[in-house]
Amino acid sequence: MNNDSVHIHQEDSLLNNEEESVSDFKENHDSMVVTPKTALADTVEVKVDSVFKPDPLRSVWLGAVIPGYGQIVNRKYWKLPIVYGSFLGCAYAISWNNSRYVSYKNAYRDISDSDPTTNYHLKILPRGYNIENFPGGISTYTARLKSAQDQFRQWRDLSIIISVGVYALSILEAYVDAQLYDFDITPDLVFNVAPARIDFNQHQNTRSAYGVQWSFRF
């Protein structure tokens, strides 16, 4: 009778253990269920910054339409003061030389015609001078007006040519800069300086010379 009771008690213990194991499994399984909200909350978004590489053709075309815009496309904003400063300097040179050219041209035209009412050449005479007391007389003054007219016309034309060159150079610089944007400009350049001895034969006599040897390694 006692053996039967012990046996029944052992079976009840085993049954209870199995029920507890099943219950623990269900609880663990329920805790492991991942809902869509949980999945979204646990998801980590990794943003990878794209490497910027300018388009050379876009830099050229935009730089041709709007001077200096090629440098903006390449994100080289520090070059804009140089570009626009160069254009402003060229514009000032063109304007100043052209105004002087027009003044001397009108003066030379007035002094060369026979109309007494056209006297613009008298307005640009140096202070304290007139036609009568000008050194060399009217012929010398006429020659100077003609020379100044030609000189300022050449300077005006040269300023225009330089302006076109600055415009072309800004476009070329934007294109080259876009092409070489990711080019490695840090080469392994080494400069070595060391003493050197040079032996040479002259009339069967050996002589030596001492100096400094320079070497570059690219």
N, C-alpha and C. Protein backbone atom coordinates (compact mmCIF):
# COMPACT_ATOMS: atom_id res chain seq x y z
N MET A 1 0.84 -1.20 0.00
CA MET A 1 0.00 0.00 0.00
C MET A 1 0.86 1.23 0.00
N ASN A 2 1.89 1.16 0.70
CA ASN A 2 2.80 2.31 0.75
C ASN A 2 3.53 2.49 -0.57
N ASN A 3 3.83 1.41 -1.21
CA ASN A 3 4.53 1.49 -2.51
C ASN A 3 3.63 2.11 -3.56
N ASP A 4 2.34 1.74 -3.50
CA ASP A 4 1.40 2.31 -4.47
C ASP A 4 1.26 3.82 -4.26
N SER A 5 1.24 4.24 -3.04
CA SER A 5 1.12 5.69 -2.76
C SER A 5 2.33 6.44 -3.25
N VAL A 6 3.46 5.87 -3.06
CA VAL A 6 4.70 6.53 -3.54
C VAL A 6 4.71 6.62 -5.05
N HIS A 7 4.24 5.55 -5.70
CA HIS A 7 4.22 5.53 -7.15
C HIS A 7 3.27 6.59 -7.71
N ILE A 8 2.07 6.66 -7.07
CA ILE A 8 1.09 7.67 -7.53
C ILE A 8 1.62 9.07 -7.31
N HIS A 9 2.30 9.29 -6.20
CA HIS A 9 2.85 10.62 -5.92
C HIS A 9 3.93 11.01 -6.93
N GLN A 10 4.72 10.06 -7.34
CA GLN A 10 5.76 10.35 -8.35
C GLN A 10 5.14 10.70 -9.69
N GLU A 11 4.04 9.97 -10.06
CA GLU A 11 3.38 10.27 -11.33
C GLU A 11 2.77 11.67 -11.31
N ASP A 12 2.18 12.01 -10.12
CA ASP A 12 1.62 13.38 -10.03
C ASP A 12 2.70 14.44 -10.13
N SER A 13 3.87 14.19 -9.60
CA SER A 13 4.98 15.16 -9.68
C SER A 13 5.45 15.33 -11.11
N LEU A 14 5.56 14.19 -11.80
CA LEU A 14 5.99 14.28 -13.21
C LEU A 14 4.97 15.03 -14.05
N LEU A 15 3.66 14.79 -13.79
CA LEU A 15 2.62 15.48 -14.55
C LEU A 15 2.65 16.98 -14.29
N ASN A 16 2.87 17.34 -13.03
CA ASN A 16 2.94 18.77 -12.70
C ASN A 16 4.15 19.44 -13.35
N ASN A 17 5.28 18.74 -13.39
CA ASN A 17 6.49 19.29 -14.03
C ASN A 17 6.27 19.52 -15.52
N GLU A 18 5.57 18.54 -16.18
CA GLU A 18 5.31 18.69 -17.60
C GLU A 18 4.38 19.88 -17.86
N GLU A 19 3.37 20.03 -16.98
CA GLU A 19 2.46 21.16 -17.17
C GLU A 19 3.19 22.50 -16.97
N GLU A 20 4.11 22.55 -15.99
CA GLU A 20 4.88 23.79 -15.78
C GLU A 20 5.80 24.07 -16.96
N SER A 21 6.38 23.03 -17.55
CA SER A 21 7.26 23.23 -18.72
C SER A 21 6.49 23.76 -19.91
N VAL A 22 5.28 23.19 -20.11
CA VAL A 22 4.45 23.68 -21.22
C VAL A 22 4.03 25.11 -20.99
N SER A 23 3.70 25.45 -19.76
CA SER A 23 3.29 26.81 -19.43
C SER A 23 4.43 27.80 -19.64
N ASP A 24 5.66 27.39 -19.23
CA ASP A 24 6.83 28.26 -19.42
C ASP A 24 7.12 28.44 -20.89
N PHE A 25 6.95 27.37 -21.67
CA PHE A 25 7.21 27.49 -23.11
C PHE A 25 6.25 28.46 -23.78
N LYS A 26 4.95 28.39 -23.36
CA LYS A 26 3.97 29.30 -23.93
C LYS A 26 4.29 30.75 -23.57
N GLU A 27 4.70 30.96 -22.31
CA GLU A 27 5.03 32.33 -21.90
C GLU A 27 6.23 32.85 -22.67
N ASN A 28 7.25 32.01 -22.79
CA ASN A 28 8.44 32.44 -23.54
C ASN A 28 8.12 32.67 -25.01
N HIS A 29 7.26 31.76 -25.55
CA HIS A 29 6.89 31.92 -26.97
C HIS A 29 6.12 33.21 -27.19
N ASP A 30 5.21 33.50 -26.25
CA ASP A 30 4.44 34.74 -26.38
C ASP A 30 5.33 35.97 -26.28
N SER A 31 6.35 35.90 -25.44
CA SER A 31 7.25 37.04 -25.29
C SER A 31 8.16 37.20 -26.48
N MET A 32 8.34 36.12 -27.25
CA MET A 32 9.21 36.20 -28.42
C MET A 32 8.48 36.64 -29.67
N VAL A 33 7.18 36.77 -29.62
CA VAL A 33 6.42 37.20 -30.80
C VAL A 33 6.74 38.66 -31.10
N VAL A 34 7.12 38.93 -32.33
CA VAL A 34 7.49 40.28 -32.75
C VAL A 34 6.37 40.85 -33.58
N THR A 35 5.76 41.90 -33.11
CA THR A 35 4.69 42.56 -33.85
C THR A 35 5.28 43.54 -34.85
N PRO A 36 4.52 43.96 -35.86
CA PRO A 36 5.03 44.95 -36.83
C PRO A 36 5.50 46.24 -36.18
N LYS A 37 4.78 46.69 -35.14
CA LYS A 37 5.18 47.92 -34.48
C LYS A 37 6.52 47.76 -33.80
N THR A 38 6.70 46.57 -33.16
CA THR A 38 7.97 46.32 -32.49
C THR A 38 9.11 46.25 -33.49
N ALA A 39 8.83 45.63 -34.65
CA ALA A 39 9.87 45.51 -35.68
C ALA A 39 10.27 46.88 -36.19
N LEU A 40 9.28 47.78 -36.38
CA LEU A 40 9.61 49.11 -36.84
C LEU A 40 10.37 49.90 -35.79
N ALA A 41 10.01 49.68 -34.53
CA ALA A 41 10.68 50.41 -33.46
C ALA A 41 12.12 49.98 -33.30
N ASP A 42 12.36 48.68 -33.53
CA ASP A 42 13.71 48.16 -33.34
C ASP A 42 14.59 48.32 -34.56
N THR A 43 14.00 48.74 -35.68
CA THR A 43 14.77 48.89 -36.91
C THR A 43 15.62 50.16 -36.83
N VAL A 44 16.89 50.05 -37.14
CA VAL A 44 17.82 51.17 -37.11
C VAL A 44 18.13 51.58 -38.55
N GLU A 45 17.78 52.79 -38.88
CA GLU A 45 18.06 53.28 -40.22
C GLU A 45 19.47 53.83 -40.28
N VAL A 46 20.23 53.35 -41.25
CA VAL A 46 21.60 53.80 -41.44
C VAL A 46 21.65 54.61 -42.71
N LYS A 47 21.98 55.85 -42.58
CA LYS A 47 22.08 56.75 -43.72
C LYS A 47 23.52 56.84 -44.17
N VAL A 48 23.73 56.57 -45.44
CA VAL A 48 25.07 56.61 -46.01
C VAL A 48 25.17 57.84 -46.90
N ASP A 49 26.04 58.74 -46.55
CA ASP A 49 26.22 59.96 -47.34
C ASP A 49 26.85 59.61 -48.68
N SER A 50 26.21 60.06 -49.73
CA SER A 50 26.75 59.81 -51.06
C SER A 50 27.94 60.73 -51.30
N VAL A 51 28.91 60.23 -52.00
CA VAL A 51 30.11 60.99 -52.29
C VAL A 51 29.81 61.97 -53.41
N PHE A 52 30.10 63.24 -53.17
CA PHE A 52 29.81 64.27 -54.16
C PHE A 52 30.86 64.24 -55.27
N LYS A 53 30.40 64.24 -56.51
CA LYS A 53 31.28 64.29 -57.67
C LYS A 53 30.63 65.18 -58.71
N PRO A 54 31.17 66.38 -58.97
CA PRO A 54 30.53 67.29 -59.92
C PRO A 54 30.61 66.77 -61.35
N ASP A 55 29.64 67.18 -62.14
CA ASP A 55 29.58 66.81 -63.56
C ASP A 55 30.34 67.87 -64.35
N PRO A 56 31.44 67.52 -65.04
CA PRO A 56 32.22 68.53 -65.77
C PRO A 56 31.41 69.26 -66.84
N LEU A 57 30.58 68.53 -67.60
CA LEU A 57 29.81 69.18 -68.66
C LEU A 57 28.78 70.15 -68.08
N ARG A 58 28.18 69.78 -66.98
CA ARG A 58 27.21 70.69 -66.33
C ARG A 58 27.91 71.94 -65.82
N SER A 59 29.11 71.77 -65.28
CA SER A 59 29.86 72.94 -64.81
C SER A 59 30.21 73.87 -65.96
N VAL A 60 30.55 73.28 -67.12
CA VAL A 60 30.92 74.10 -68.28
C VAL A 60 29.71 74.87 -68.81
N TRP A 61 28.59 74.18 -69.00
CA TRP A 61 27.44 74.85 -69.60
C TRP A 61 26.85 75.91 -68.68
N LEU A 62 26.73 75.60 -67.41
CA LEU A 62 26.20 76.59 -66.49
C LEU A 62 27.17 77.75 -66.29
N GLY A 63 28.48 77.45 -66.30
CA GLY A 63 29.47 78.51 -66.20
C GLY A 63 29.50 79.39 -67.43
N ALA A 64 29.14 78.84 -68.60
CA ALA A 64 29.09 79.64 -69.82
C ALA A 64 27.87 80.55 -69.84
N VAL A 65 26.76 80.07 -69.28
CA VAL A 65 25.54 80.89 -69.25
C VAL A 65 25.65 81.97 -68.19
N ILE A 66 26.08 81.59 -67.00
CA ILE A 66 26.23 82.53 -65.88
C ILE A 66 27.67 82.46 -65.41
N PRO A 67 28.47 83.49 -65.68
CA PRO A 67 29.88 83.45 -65.25
C PRO A 67 30.01 83.21 -63.75
N GLY A 68 30.85 82.26 -63.39
CA GLY A 68 31.07 81.94 -62.00
C GLY A 68 30.17 80.83 -61.48
N TYR A 69 29.14 80.46 -62.26
CA TYR A 69 28.23 79.44 -61.77
C TYR A 69 28.87 78.05 -61.80
N GLY A 70 29.88 77.87 -62.67
CA GLY A 70 30.59 76.60 -62.68
C GLY A 70 31.29 76.33 -61.36
N GLN A 71 31.84 77.37 -60.74
CA GLN A 71 32.47 77.22 -59.44
C GLN A 71 31.43 76.91 -58.36
N ILE A 72 30.22 77.44 -58.51
CA ILE A 72 29.15 77.13 -57.55
C ILE A 72 28.75 75.67 -57.68
N VAL A 73 28.64 75.17 -58.92
CA VAL A 73 28.29 73.76 -59.13
C VAL A 73 29.35 72.86 -58.51
N ASN A 74 30.62 73.25 -58.60
CA ASN A 74 31.71 72.46 -58.03
C ASN A 74 31.86 72.65 -56.53
N ARG A 75 31.03 73.54 -55.95
CA ARG A 75 31.07 73.83 -54.51
C ARG A 75 32.41 74.45 -54.09
N LYS A 76 33.01 75.22 -54.97
CA LYS A 76 34.22 75.95 -54.65
C LYS A 76 33.85 77.42 -54.50
N TYR A 77 33.14 77.72 -53.42
CA TYR A 77 32.58 79.06 -53.24
C TYR A 77 33.67 80.10 -52.96
N TRP A 78 34.82 79.67 -52.45
CA TRP A 78 35.88 80.63 -52.14
C TRP A 78 36.49 81.22 -53.40
N LYS A 79 36.23 80.61 -54.57
CA LYS A 79 36.75 81.14 -55.82
C LYS A 79 35.87 82.24 -56.41
N LEU A 80 34.66 82.39 -55.91
CA LEU A 80 33.75 83.39 -56.47
C LEU A 80 34.27 84.82 -56.34
N PRO A 81 34.84 85.24 -55.20
CA PRO A 81 35.39 86.60 -55.16
C PRO A 81 36.49 86.83 -56.19
N ILE A 82 37.28 85.80 -56.47
CA ILE A 82 38.34 85.95 -57.48
C ILE A 82 37.73 86.12 -58.87
N VAL A 83 36.74 85.28 -59.18
CA VAL A 83 36.11 85.33 -60.51
C VAL A 83 35.39 86.65 -60.72
N TYR A 84 34.52 87.02 -59.78
CA TYR A 84 33.75 88.25 -59.96
C TYR A 84 34.61 89.50 -59.78
N GLY A 85 35.65 89.40 -58.96
CA GLY A 85 36.57 90.52 -58.86
C GLY A 85 37.30 90.77 -60.17
N SER A 86 37.67 89.68 -60.86
CA SER A 86 38.33 89.82 -62.17
C SER A 86 37.39 90.44 -63.19
N PHE A 87 36.13 90.01 -63.19
CA PHE A 87 35.16 90.58 -64.13
C PHE A 87 34.90 92.06 -63.83
N LEU A 88 34.81 92.42 -62.57
CA LEU A 88 34.60 93.83 -62.23
C LEU A 88 35.80 94.68 -62.63
N GLY A 89 37.00 94.14 -62.44
CA GLY A 89 38.19 94.88 -62.86
C GLY A 89 38.23 95.09 -64.36
N CYS A 90 37.87 94.05 -65.12
CA CYS A 90 37.85 94.18 -66.58
C CYS A 90 36.77 95.15 -67.03
N ALA A 91 35.61 95.10 -66.37
CA ALA A 91 34.53 96.03 -66.74
C ALA A 91 34.93 97.48 -66.46
N TYR A 92 35.62 97.71 -65.34
CA TYR A 92 36.08 99.06 -65.04
C TYR A 92 37.12 99.53 -66.05
N ALA A 93 38.03 98.64 -66.43
CA ALA A 93 39.06 99.02 -67.41
C ALA A 93 38.43 99.35 -68.76
N ILE A 94 37.45 98.57 -69.18
CA ILE A 94 36.78 98.84 -70.46
C ILE A 94 36.05 100.18 -70.39
N SER A 95 35.32 100.41 -69.30
CA SER A 95 34.55 101.65 -69.19
C SER A 95 35.47 102.87 -69.15
N TRP A 96 36.55 102.81 -68.37
CA TRP A 96 37.42 103.98 -68.24
C TRP A 96 38.16 104.28 -69.53
N ASN A 97 38.73 103.25 -70.15
CA ASN A 97 39.45 103.47 -71.40
C ASN A 97 38.52 103.92 -72.52
N ASN A 98 37.30 103.41 -72.53
CA ASN A 98 36.37 103.82 -73.57
C ASN A 98 35.95 105.29 -73.38
N SER A 99 35.75 105.72 -72.13
CA SER A 99 35.37 107.12 -71.89
C SER A 99 36.50 108.06 -72.31
N ARG A 100 37.74 107.67 -72.01
CA ARG A 100 38.86 108.51 -72.43
C ARG A 100 39.00 108.52 -73.95
N TYR A 101 38.78 107.37 -74.56
CA TYR A 101 38.86 107.29 -76.02
C TYR A 101 37.81 108.20 -76.67
N VAL A 102 36.58 108.17 -76.15
CA VAL A 102 35.52 109.01 -76.71
C VAL A 102 35.86 110.49 -76.53
N SER A 103 36.42 110.86 -75.39
CA SER A 103 36.77 112.27 -75.16
C SER A 103 37.81 112.75 -76.15
N TYR A 104 38.89 111.98 -76.31
CA TYR A 104 39.94 112.41 -77.24
C TYR A 104 39.49 112.32 -78.70
N LYS A 105 38.60 111.39 -78.99
CA LYS A 105 38.09 111.31 -80.37
C LYS A 105 37.25 112.54 -80.70
N ASN A 106 36.37 112.94 -79.77
CA ASN A 106 35.57 114.14 -80.01
C ASN A 106 36.44 115.39 -80.09
N ALA A 107 37.47 115.46 -79.23
CA ALA A 107 38.36 116.63 -79.27
C ALA A 107 39.13 116.67 -80.59
N TYR A 108 39.62 115.53 -81.05
CA TYR A 108 40.36 115.50 -82.31
C TYR A 108 39.44 115.84 -83.49
N ARG A 109 38.18 115.38 -83.44
CA ARG A 109 37.23 115.69 -84.50
C ARG A 109 36.92 117.18 -84.54
N ASP A 110 36.75 117.80 -83.34
CA ASP A 110 36.40 119.22 -83.31
C ASP A 110 37.57 120.10 -83.75
N ILE A 111 38.80 119.71 -83.37
CA ILE A 111 39.93 120.56 -83.74
C ILE A 111 40.30 120.40 -85.22
N SER A 112 39.83 119.30 -85.82
CA SER A 112 40.17 119.05 -87.22
C SER A 112 39.16 119.63 -88.19
N ASP A 113 37.93 119.90 -87.75
CA ASP A 113 36.94 120.43 -88.68
C ASP A 113 37.06 121.96 -88.73
N SER A 114 36.26 122.54 -89.60
CA SER A 114 36.29 124.00 -89.79
C SER A 114 35.11 124.70 -89.15
N ASP A 115 34.34 123.96 -88.31
CA ASP A 115 33.18 124.54 -87.66
C ASP A 115 33.64 125.23 -86.37
N PRO A 116 33.46 126.51 -86.24
CA PRO A 116 33.93 127.22 -85.03
C PRO A 116 33.09 126.94 -83.80
N THR A 117 31.91 126.36 -83.99
CA THR A 117 31.05 126.08 -82.83
C THR A 117 31.40 124.76 -82.13
N THR A 118 32.18 123.94 -82.77
CA THR A 118 32.59 122.67 -82.15
C THR A 118 33.94 122.90 -81.48
N ASN A 119 33.94 122.99 -80.19
CA ASN A 119 35.16 123.33 -79.45
C ASN A 119 35.38 122.41 -78.24
N TYR A 120 35.07 121.13 -78.41
CA TYR A 120 35.29 120.21 -77.31
C TYR A 120 36.78 120.09 -76.98
N HIS A 121 37.63 120.34 -77.95
CA HIS A 121 39.07 120.23 -77.72
C HIS A 121 39.56 121.29 -76.73
N LEU A 122 38.78 122.38 -76.58
CA LEU A 122 39.18 123.40 -75.63
C LEU A 122 38.86 122.99 -74.18
N LYS A 123 37.91 122.06 -74.01
CA LYS A 123 37.50 121.65 -72.67
C LYS A 123 38.51 120.72 -71.99
N ILE A 124 39.30 120.04 -72.80
CA ILE A 124 40.22 119.07 -72.21
C ILE A 124 41.67 119.58 -72.25
N LEU A 125 41.83 120.84 -72.52
CA LEU A 125 43.18 121.41 -72.44
C LEU A 125 43.69 121.36 -71.00
N PRO A 126 44.98 121.13 -70.80
CA PRO A 126 45.53 121.16 -69.44
C PRO A 126 45.28 122.52 -68.80
N ARG A 127 45.10 122.53 -67.49
CA ARG A 127 44.81 123.76 -66.78
C ARG A 127 45.95 124.75 -66.93
N GLY A 128 45.58 125.99 -67.25
CA GLY A 128 46.57 127.04 -67.45
C GLY A 128 47.04 127.19 -68.88
N TYR A 129 46.53 126.36 -69.79
CA TYR A 129 46.94 126.43 -71.19
C TYR A 129 45.74 126.74 -72.06
N ASN A 130 46.05 127.37 -73.22
CA ASN A 130 45.08 127.54 -74.29
C ASN A 130 45.77 127.25 -75.61
N ILE A 131 45.02 127.36 -76.67
CA ILE A 131 45.60 127.02 -77.97
C ILE A 131 46.79 127.90 -78.30
N GLU A 132 46.75 129.18 -77.92
CA GLU A 132 47.81 130.10 -78.29
C GLU A 132 49.11 129.81 -77.53
N ASN A 133 49.05 129.48 -76.23
CA ASN A 133 50.28 129.31 -75.47
C ASN A 133 50.63 127.82 -75.23
N PHE A 134 49.96 126.92 -75.94
CA PHE A 134 50.30 125.50 -75.78
C PHE A 134 51.66 125.24 -76.42
N PRO A 135 52.55 124.50 -75.72
CA PRO A 135 53.90 124.26 -76.29
C PRO A 135 53.82 123.54 -77.63
N GLY A 136 54.39 124.15 -78.65
CA GLY A 136 54.36 123.57 -79.99
C GLY A 136 53.23 124.05 -80.84
N GLY A 137 52.26 124.75 -80.25
CA GLY A 137 51.18 125.31 -81.04
C GLY A 137 50.06 124.31 -81.29
N ILE A 138 49.16 124.69 -82.17
CA ILE A 138 47.97 123.89 -82.43
C ILE A 138 48.28 122.58 -83.12
N SER A 139 49.34 122.58 -83.94
CA SER A 139 49.70 121.34 -84.64
C SER A 139 50.16 120.26 -83.64
N THR A 140 50.94 120.67 -82.65
CA THR A 140 51.39 119.71 -81.64
C THR A 140 50.22 119.21 -80.80
N TYR A 141 49.30 120.10 -80.46
CA TYR A 141 48.14 119.70 -79.68
C TYR A 141 47.26 118.73 -80.47
N THR A 142 47.12 118.99 -81.77
CA THR A 142 46.33 118.09 -82.62
C THR A 142 46.97 116.71 -82.69
N ALA A 143 48.28 116.68 -82.80
CA ALA A 143 48.98 115.39 -82.85
C ALA A 143 48.83 114.62 -81.53
N ARG A 144 48.86 115.33 -80.43
CA ARG A 144 48.69 114.67 -79.14
C ARG A 144 47.28 114.12 -78.98
N LEU A 145 46.30 114.86 -79.46
CA LEU A 145 44.93 114.35 -79.39
C LEU A 145 44.77 113.08 -80.22
N LYS A 146 45.36 113.07 -81.40
CA LYS A 146 45.29 111.88 -82.25
C LYS A 146 46.01 110.70 -81.60
N SER A 147 47.18 110.95 -81.02
CA SER A 147 47.93 109.88 -80.36
C SER A 147 47.19 109.32 -79.15
N ALA A 148 46.60 110.23 -78.35
CA ALA A 148 45.85 109.77 -77.18
C ALA A 148 44.60 109.00 -77.60
N GLN A 149 43.95 109.43 -78.67
CA GLN A 149 42.78 108.72 -79.17
C GLN A 149 43.14 107.28 -79.56
N ASP A 150 44.20 107.11 -80.30
CA ASP A 150 44.62 105.77 -80.73
C ASP A 150 45.07 104.91 -79.54
N GLN A 151 45.76 105.54 -78.58
CA GLN A 151 46.25 104.79 -77.44
C GLN A 151 45.11 104.25 -76.58
N PHE A 152 44.13 105.10 -76.26
CA PHE A 152 43.02 104.64 -75.43
C PHE A 152 42.11 103.68 -76.18
N ARG A 153 42.05 103.78 -77.50
CA ARG A 153 41.29 102.79 -78.26
C ARG A 153 41.96 101.42 -78.17
N GLN A 154 43.28 101.40 -78.26
CA GLN A 154 44.00 100.12 -78.12
C GLN A 154 43.84 99.55 -76.73
N TRP A 155 43.91 100.39 -75.72
CA TRP A 155 43.74 99.89 -74.35
C TRP A 155 42.32 99.38 -74.11
N ARG A 156 41.33 100.05 -74.70
CA ARG A 156 39.96 99.57 -74.57
C ARG A 156 39.80 98.20 -75.24
N ASP A 157 40.33 98.06 -76.44
CA ASP A 157 40.24 96.78 -77.14
C ASP A 157 41.00 95.68 -76.38
N LEU A 158 42.14 96.05 -75.81
CA LEU A 158 42.89 95.08 -75.03
C LEU A 158 42.12 94.65 -73.77
N SER A 159 41.42 95.59 -73.16
CA SER A 159 40.61 95.26 -71.99
C SER A 159 39.48 94.31 -72.36
N ILE A 160 38.90 94.50 -73.54
CA ILE A 160 37.85 93.59 -73.99
C ILE A 160 38.40 92.19 -74.22
N ILE A 161 39.59 92.12 -74.84
CA ILE A 161 40.22 90.81 -75.08
C ILE A 161 40.53 90.11 -73.76
N ILE A 162 41.03 90.87 -72.79
CA ILE A 162 41.33 90.28 -71.48
C ILE A 162 40.06 89.79 -70.80
N SER A 163 38.97 90.55 -70.96
CA SER A 163 37.70 90.12 -70.37
C SER A 163 37.22 88.80 -70.96
N VAL A 164 37.36 88.67 -72.28
CA VAL A 164 36.99 87.40 -72.92
C VAL A 164 37.90 86.27 -72.41
N GLY A 165 39.18 86.58 -72.22
CA GLY A 165 40.10 85.58 -71.68
C GLY A 165 39.73 85.16 -70.26
N VAL A 166 39.33 86.13 -69.43
CA VAL A 166 38.91 85.81 -68.06
C VAL A 166 37.65 84.95 -68.08
N TYR A 167 36.73 85.26 -68.98
CA TYR A 167 35.50 84.47 -69.11
C TYR A 167 35.82 83.03 -69.52
N ALA A 168 36.68 82.87 -70.53
CA ALA A 168 37.06 81.53 -70.98
C ALA A 168 37.84 80.78 -69.89
N LEU A 169 38.70 81.52 -69.18
CA LEU A 169 39.49 80.89 -68.12
C LEU A 169 38.62 80.40 -66.97
N SER A 170 37.56 81.14 -66.64
CA SER A 170 36.66 80.70 -65.57
C SER A 170 35.94 79.42 -65.96
N ILE A 171 35.56 79.30 -67.24
CA ILE A 171 34.90 78.08 -67.71
C ILE A 171 35.89 76.92 -67.71
N LEU A 172 37.10 77.16 -68.20
CA LEU A 172 38.12 76.11 -68.23
C LEU A 172 38.47 75.65 -66.83
N GLU A 173 38.58 76.58 -65.90
CA GLU A 173 38.93 76.22 -64.52
C GLU A 173 37.83 75.36 -63.90
N ALA A 174 36.57 75.70 -64.18
CA ALA A 174 35.46 74.90 -63.64
C ALA A 174 35.48 73.49 -64.22
N TYR A 175 35.80 73.37 -65.50
CA TYR A 175 35.85 72.04 -66.13
C TYR A 175 36.99 71.20 -65.56
N VAL A 176 38.18 71.78 -65.47
CA VAL A 176 39.33 71.05 -64.95
C VAL A 176 39.13 70.69 -63.48
N ASP A 177 38.56 71.60 -62.73
CA ASP A 177 38.33 71.34 -61.31
C ASP A 177 37.33 70.21 -61.11
N ALA A 178 36.30 70.15 -61.98
CA ALA A 178 35.33 69.06 -61.89
C ALA A 178 35.96 67.73 -62.28
N GLN A 179 36.83 67.76 -63.28
CA GLN A 179 37.50 66.52 -63.70
C GLN A 179 38.44 66.00 -62.62
N LEU A 180 39.14 66.90 -61.95
CA LEU A 180 40.14 66.50 -60.97
C LEU A 180 39.62 66.65 -59.54
N TYR A 181 38.30 66.60 -59.36
CA TYR A 181 37.73 66.84 -58.03
C TYR A 181 38.19 65.79 -57.03
N ASP A 182 38.23 64.53 -57.46
CA ASP A 182 38.63 63.46 -56.55
C ASP A 182 40.03 62.95 -56.85
N PHE A 183 40.83 63.77 -57.53
CA PHE A 183 42.19 63.37 -57.86
C PHE A 183 43.10 63.55 -56.64
N ASP A 184 43.94 62.57 -56.40
CA ASP A 184 44.84 62.62 -55.25
C ASP A 184 45.99 63.58 -55.57
N ILE A 185 46.04 64.69 -54.85
CA ILE A 185 47.08 65.70 -55.10
C ILE A 185 48.13 65.68 -54.00
N THR A 186 48.29 64.55 -53.36
CA THR A 186 49.31 64.42 -52.31
C THR A 186 50.32 63.35 -52.70
N PRO A 187 51.15 63.59 -53.70
CA PRO A 187 52.13 62.59 -54.10
C PRO A 187 53.24 62.48 -53.06
N ASP A 188 53.96 61.37 -53.12
CA ASP A 188 55.07 61.14 -52.20
C ASP A 188 56.31 61.82 -52.77
N LEU A 189 56.37 63.11 -52.55
CA LEU A 189 57.48 63.92 -53.08
C LEU A 189 58.53 64.07 -51.99
N VAL A 190 59.75 63.66 -52.33
CA VAL A 190 60.85 63.72 -51.37
C VAL A 190 61.99 64.51 -52.00
N PHE A 191 62.54 65.43 -51.21
CA PHE A 191 63.66 66.24 -51.66
C PHE A 191 64.84 65.97 -50.74
N ASN A 192 65.93 65.47 -51.32
CA ASN A 192 67.11 65.10 -50.54
C ASN A 192 68.29 65.97 -50.93
N VAL A 193 69.04 66.39 -49.93
CA VAL A 193 70.27 67.16 -50.13
C VAL A 193 71.38 66.45 -49.38
N ALA A 194 72.48 66.16 -50.10
CA ALA A 194 73.59 65.43 -49.48
C ALA A 194 74.90 65.87 -50.11
N PRO A 195 76.00 65.82 -49.36
CA PRO A 195 77.31 66.15 -49.94
C PRO A 195 77.71 65.10 -50.97
N ALA A 196 78.47 65.53 -51.97
CA ALA A 196 78.88 64.62 -53.04
C ALA A 196 80.33 64.88 -53.43
N ARG A 197 81.00 63.81 -53.88
CA ARG A 197 82.38 63.91 -54.35
C ARG A 197 82.43 63.42 -55.79
N ILE A 198 83.04 64.22 -56.65
CA ILE A 198 83.12 63.90 -58.07
C ILE A 198 84.60 63.77 -58.45
N ASP A 199 84.97 62.60 -58.98
CA ASP A 199 86.34 62.34 -59.44
C ASP A 199 86.36 62.37 -60.96
N PHE A 200 87.30 63.09 -61.53
CA PHE A 200 87.45 63.15 -62.98
C PHE A 200 88.93 63.21 -63.33
N ASN A 201 89.24 62.73 -64.52
CA ASN A 201 90.61 62.68 -65.03
C ASN A 201 90.84 63.82 -66.01
N GLN A 202 91.90 64.51 -65.84
CA GLN A 202 92.30 65.59 -66.73
C GLN A 202 93.79 65.51 -66.98
N HIS A 203 94.14 65.16 -68.23
CA HIS A 203 95.56 64.98 -68.62
C HIS A 203 96.21 63.94 -67.73
N GLN A 204 95.53 62.80 -67.58
CA GLN A 204 96.02 61.66 -66.82
C GLN A 204 96.25 61.99 -65.34
N ASN A 205 95.67 63.01 -64.89
CA ASN A 205 95.74 63.36 -63.47
C ASN A 205 94.32 63.29 -62.88
N THR A 206 94.21 62.59 -61.81
CA THR A 206 92.91 62.44 -61.15
C THR A 206 92.68 63.58 -60.18
N ARG A 207 91.55 64.23 -60.37
CA ARG A 207 91.19 65.32 -59.48
C ARG A 207 89.81 65.07 -58.89
N SER A 208 89.63 65.65 -57.78
CA SER A 208 88.34 65.48 -57.09
C SER A 208 87.71 66.84 -56.85
N ALA A 209 86.40 66.83 -56.90
CA ALA A 209 85.63 68.05 -56.61
C ALA A 209 84.54 67.69 -55.62
N TYR A 210 84.24 68.61 -54.77
CA TYR A 210 83.23 68.39 -53.75
C TYR A 210 82.10 69.40 -53.92
N GLY A 211 80.93 68.93 -53.69
CA GLY A 211 79.78 69.81 -53.84
C GLY A 211 78.58 69.25 -53.10
N VAL A 212 77.41 69.69 -53.53
CA VAL A 212 76.15 69.27 -52.92
C VAL A 212 75.30 68.60 -53.99
N GLN A 213 74.72 67.49 -53.65
CA GLN A 213 73.87 66.74 -54.56
C GLN A 213 72.41 66.89 -54.16
N TRP A 214 71.58 67.26 -55.12
CA TRP A 214 70.15 67.39 -54.89
C TRP A 214 69.44 66.29 -55.65
N SER A 215 68.43 65.72 -55.04
CA SER A 215 67.66 64.66 -55.71
C SER A 215 66.19 64.78 -55.33
N PHE A 216 65.35 64.50 -56.31
CA PHE A 216 63.90 64.50 -56.12
C PHE A 216 63.36 63.10 -56.37
N ARG A 217 62.38 62.71 -55.59
CA ARG A 217 61.71 61.44 -55.81
C ARG A 217 60.22 61.68 -55.87
N PHE A 218 59.62 61.23 -56.98
CA PHE A 218 58.20 61.42 -57.21
C PHE A 218 57.45 60.13 -56.88
